[in-house]
Amino acid sequence: MDLSISSSARSYLLKKQSFYQYKNRMPRLVMVAKTCRGAEFRIVFEAPAESDLLHRDGELGLYIPQDLIRDFGGFSVDTELFFFALRLLIQPKVQVYNCDCKHKCNNEER
């Protein structure tokens, strides 16, 4: 699995993982949208699906659905400063620009 996590993202996720682990919620990468600008991803804390693959990086465990790995070839996870707050920046190794917004754009590949 091709996944790179920066040290700042790892630290950020470890803090959140330690908070949520008592509620049986683990970090899981999910796709939230397919837009004309590309697919968008988030890391949510929930129970992993049975088919998810577990990526271990020391104490950090990140669950990723198999179809996302197949479709996007892996991911890089980093942090960025957004309006004075730290947030995760998740980029796929292979971006896909096929949107699912039939009523918003003139994309012929719908």
Protein backbone atom coordinates (compact mmCIF):
# COMPACT_ATOMS: atom_id res chain seq x y z
CA MET A 1 0.00 0.00 0.00
CA ASP A 2 1.49 3.34 -1.05
CA LEU A 3 0.78 5.69 1.86
CA SER A 4 3.02 8.46 3.14
CA ILE A 5 2.21 10.34 6.35
CA SER A 6 4.20 13.41 7.37
CA SER A 7 5.45 13.71 10.94
CA SER A 8 3.04 16.59 11.66
CA ALA A 9 0.06 14.60 10.31
CA ARG A 10 1.17 11.54 12.29
CA SER A 11 1.32 13.59 15.49
CA TYR A 12 -2.08 15.17 14.75
CA LEU A 13 -3.70 11.77 14.10
CA LEU A 14 -2.12 10.13 17.16
CA LYS A 15 -3.66 12.78 19.43
CA LYS A 16 -7.10 12.26 17.92
CA GLN A 17 -6.69 8.47 17.91
CA SER A 18 -5.89 8.46 21.63
CA PHE A 19 -9.07 10.47 22.32
CA TYR A 20 -11.39 8.29 20.20
CA GLN A 21 -9.92 4.85 20.92
CA TYR A 22 -11.97 4.49 24.11
CA LYS A 23 -15.11 4.83 22.02
CA ASN A 24 -13.98 2.06 19.59
CA ARG A 25 -13.60 4.59 16.79
CA MET A 26 -10.49 4.34 14.64
CA PRO A 27 -9.13 6.69 11.94
CA ARG A 28 -10.55 5.77 8.55
CA LEU A 29 -9.89 7.47 5.22
CA VAL A 30 -13.08 8.13 3.23
CA MET A 31 -13.92 9.85 -0.03
CA VAL A 32 -16.40 12.66 0.59
CA ALA A 33 -16.87 14.01 -2.94
CA LYS A 34 -15.99 13.55 -6.60
CA THR A 35 -15.90 16.99 -8.16
CA CYS A 36 -14.58 18.57 -11.34
CA ARG A 37 -11.52 19.59 -9.28
CA GLY A 38 -10.90 15.95 -8.33
CA ALA A 39 -11.85 13.62 -5.53
CA GLU A 40 -11.83 14.94 -1.95
CA PHE A 41 -10.94 12.87 1.08
CA ARG A 42 -11.24 13.13 4.86
CA ILE A 43 -10.18 11.04 7.81
CA VAL A 44 -13.08 10.27 10.10
CA PHE A 45 -13.12 8.34 13.35
CA GLU A 46 -15.55 5.46 13.15
CA ALA A 47 -15.67 1.68 13.24
CA PRO A 48 -13.74 0.27 10.27
CA ALA A 49 -15.46 -1.88 7.66
CA GLU A 50 -14.49 -5.54 7.46
CA SER A 51 -12.97 -5.08 4.01
CA ASP A 52 -10.77 -2.10 5.02
CA LEU A 53 -7.01 -2.50 4.93
CA LEU A 54 -5.06 -1.44 8.00
CA HIS A 55 -1.94 0.67 7.52
CA ARG A 56 0.28 0.67 10.59
CA ASP A 57 2.83 3.41 11.22
CA GLY A 58 4.17 2.74 14.70
CA GLU A 59 1.31 3.36 17.12
CA LEU A 60 -0.88 4.88 14.43
CA GLY A 61 -3.39 2.63 12.67
CA LEU A 62 -5.22 4.03 9.63
CA TYR A 63 -7.99 2.08 7.89
CA ILE A 64 -8.47 2.55 4.15
CA PRO A 65 -11.15 0.95 1.95
CA GLN A 66 -9.63 -1.38 -0.66
CA ASP A 67 -11.47 0.26 -3.55
CA LEU A 68 -9.91 3.67 -2.74
CA ILE A 69 -6.43 2.18 -2.86
CA ARG A 70 -7.23 0.46 -6.15
CA ASP A 71 -8.78 3.56 -7.73
CA PHE A 72 -6.30 6.20 -6.49
CA GLY A 73 -3.04 4.25 -6.14
CA GLY A 74 -2.30 5.39 -2.58
CA PHE A 75 -2.27 8.62 -0.63
CA SER A 76 -0.10 11.24 1.01
CA VAL A 77 -1.28 12.80 4.27
CA ASP A 78 0.11 16.08 5.56
CA THR A 79 -1.11 19.08 7.53
CA GLU A 80 -1.71 22.67 6.50
CA LEU A 81 -2.59 25.85 8.32
CA PHE A 82 -6.14 26.91 7.47
CA PHE A 83 -7.37 30.17 9.05
CA PHE A 84 -4.97 29.76 12.00
CA ALA A 85 -6.00 26.15 12.61
CA LEU A 86 -4.21 22.97 11.64
CA ARG A 87 -6.06 20.60 9.33
CA LEU A 88 -5.23 17.47 7.34
CA LEU A 89 -4.37 17.66 3.67
CA ILE A 90 -5.00 14.34 1.90
CA GLN A 91 -3.81 13.91 -1.67
CA PRO A 92 -4.26 10.78 -3.80
CA LYS A 93 -1.28 9.49 -5.79
CA VAL A 94 -3.50 9.38 -8.91
CA GLN A 95 -6.23 12.03 -9.08
CA VAL A 96 -9.50 11.38 -10.95
CA TYR A 97 -11.43 14.33 -12.39
CA ASN A 98 -14.67 12.54 -13.30
CA CYS A 99 -17.31 14.36 -11.33
CA ASP A 100 -20.70 13.18 -10.13
CA CYS A 101 -22.32 16.63 -10.41
CA LYS A 102 -24.53 16.09 -13.48
CA HIS A 103 -26.61 19.21 -12.87
CA LYS A 104 -23.67 21.55 -12.11
CA CYS A 105 -21.17 21.16 -14.92
CA ASN A 106 -20.86 20.34 -18.60
CA ASN A 107 -18.54 17.39 -18.11
CA GLU A 108 -19.16 15.00 -21.00
CA GLU A 109 -17.69 11.99 -19.14
CA ARG A 110 -20.60 11.60 -16.70
